[in-house]
Every structure is written in C-alpha cells, then in structure tokens.
Amino acid sequence: MIAANLKKYDFKCISGMNLPMLLDALLLRDDDSLEIEQLAEQCLKTGKEGIIDIKKMISEKK
C-alpha cells in the first residue's frame, strides 16, 4: 500500500546500483542545473559504463 501513496510525489527510484553510479549520484546531487530526470539518466549511464568484462576487453585489444 505504501507504493500506491508514492504516486503523488516527484521522485526517481533506481535499484541495482554499483559504486561508480553511487559516486556520480553523490557528487551530482547538489548540482542545481540538473533536473531529477537528468540526474537519474546520468547515474544510469555511469552505472552501465561501470560494468566491464575485463577478460573480453583484454582479448579485444589483442
């Protein structure tokens, strides 16, 4: 029932965070030039970029 009550609030909820994503969120949260949508999109982008298959990356550079 709590989730139903959240509809009236303007917020973003992102799950499955990694460290680069968390650091980006913490560093950018006080940037008044970013809207909440922009902050969420930046954090999602950083999170995706922070997931790297090192073995694949090394084999592609050979």
Protein backbone atom coordinates (compact mmCIF):
# COMPACT_ATOMS: atom_id res chain seq x y z
CA MET A 1 0.00 0.00 0.00
CA ILE A 2 2.91 2.39 0.57
CA ALA A 3 3.94 2.30 -3.12
CA ALA A 4 0.46 3.43 -4.14
CA ASN A 5 0.83 6.50 -1.92
CA LEU A 6 4.11 7.47 -3.60
CA LYS A 7 2.39 8.34 -6.91
CA LYS A 8 1.72 11.88 -5.69
CA TYR A 9 5.43 12.61 -5.14
CA ASP A 10 8.01 13.62 -7.74
CA PHE A 11 10.91 11.21 -7.24
CA LYS A 12 13.10 8.67 -9.04
CA CYS A 13 13.98 5.26 -7.67
CA ILE A 14 16.83 3.28 -9.21
CA SER A 15 17.76 -0.17 -7.99
CA GLY A 16 20.85 -2.31 -8.50
CA MET A 17 23.44 0.41 -8.02
CA ASN A 18 27.19 -0.05 -8.44
CA LEU A 19 29.98 2.09 -6.96
CA PRO A 20 30.56 4.39 -9.99
CA MET A 21 26.82 5.03 -10.13
CA LEU A 22 26.61 5.79 -6.41
CA LEU A 23 29.57 8.17 -6.54
CA ASP A 24 28.06 10.00 -9.50
CA ALA A 25 24.77 10.39 -7.63
CA LEU A 26 26.51 11.73 -4.54
CA LEU A 27 28.71 14.16 -6.47
CA LEU A 28 25.95 15.48 -8.72
CA ARG A 29 23.04 15.64 -6.26
CA ASP A 30 23.71 19.27 -5.28
CA ASP A 31 24.11 20.47 -8.89
CA ASP A 32 21.16 22.84 -9.21
CA SER A 33 21.47 22.90 -13.00
CA LEU A 34 20.40 19.23 -13.22
CA GLU A 35 16.75 18.22 -13.09
CA ILE A 36 15.95 14.96 -11.32
CA GLU A 37 15.40 13.26 -14.70
CA GLN A 38 18.85 14.33 -15.90
CA LEU A 39 20.48 13.15 -12.67
CA ALA A 40 18.78 9.76 -12.94
CA GLU A 41 19.80 9.36 -16.60
CA GLN A 42 23.41 10.29 -15.82
CA CYS A 43 23.52 7.79 -12.96
CA LEU A 44 22.08 5.04 -15.16
CA LYS A 45 24.63 5.81 -17.88
CA THR A 46 27.51 5.77 -15.41
CA GLY A 47 26.25 2.53 -13.88
CA LYS A 48 26.12 0.80 -17.27
CA GLU A 49 29.58 2.07 -18.20
CA GLY A 50 30.93 0.81 -14.86
CA ILE A 51 30.11 -2.81 -15.70
CA ILE A 52 33.06 -4.16 -17.68
CA ASP A 53 34.04 -7.69 -18.70
CA ILE A 54 37.81 -7.33 -18.23
CA LYS A 55 38.66 -10.61 -19.95
CA LYS A 56 36.63 -9.63 -23.02
CA MET A 57 38.17 -6.15 -23.05
CA ILE A 58 41.69 -7.57 -22.96
CA SER A 59 41.00 -10.10 -25.71
CA GLU A 60 39.52 -7.40 -27.98
CA LYS A 61 42.65 -5.25 -27.63
CA LYS A 62 44.94 -8.02 -28.90
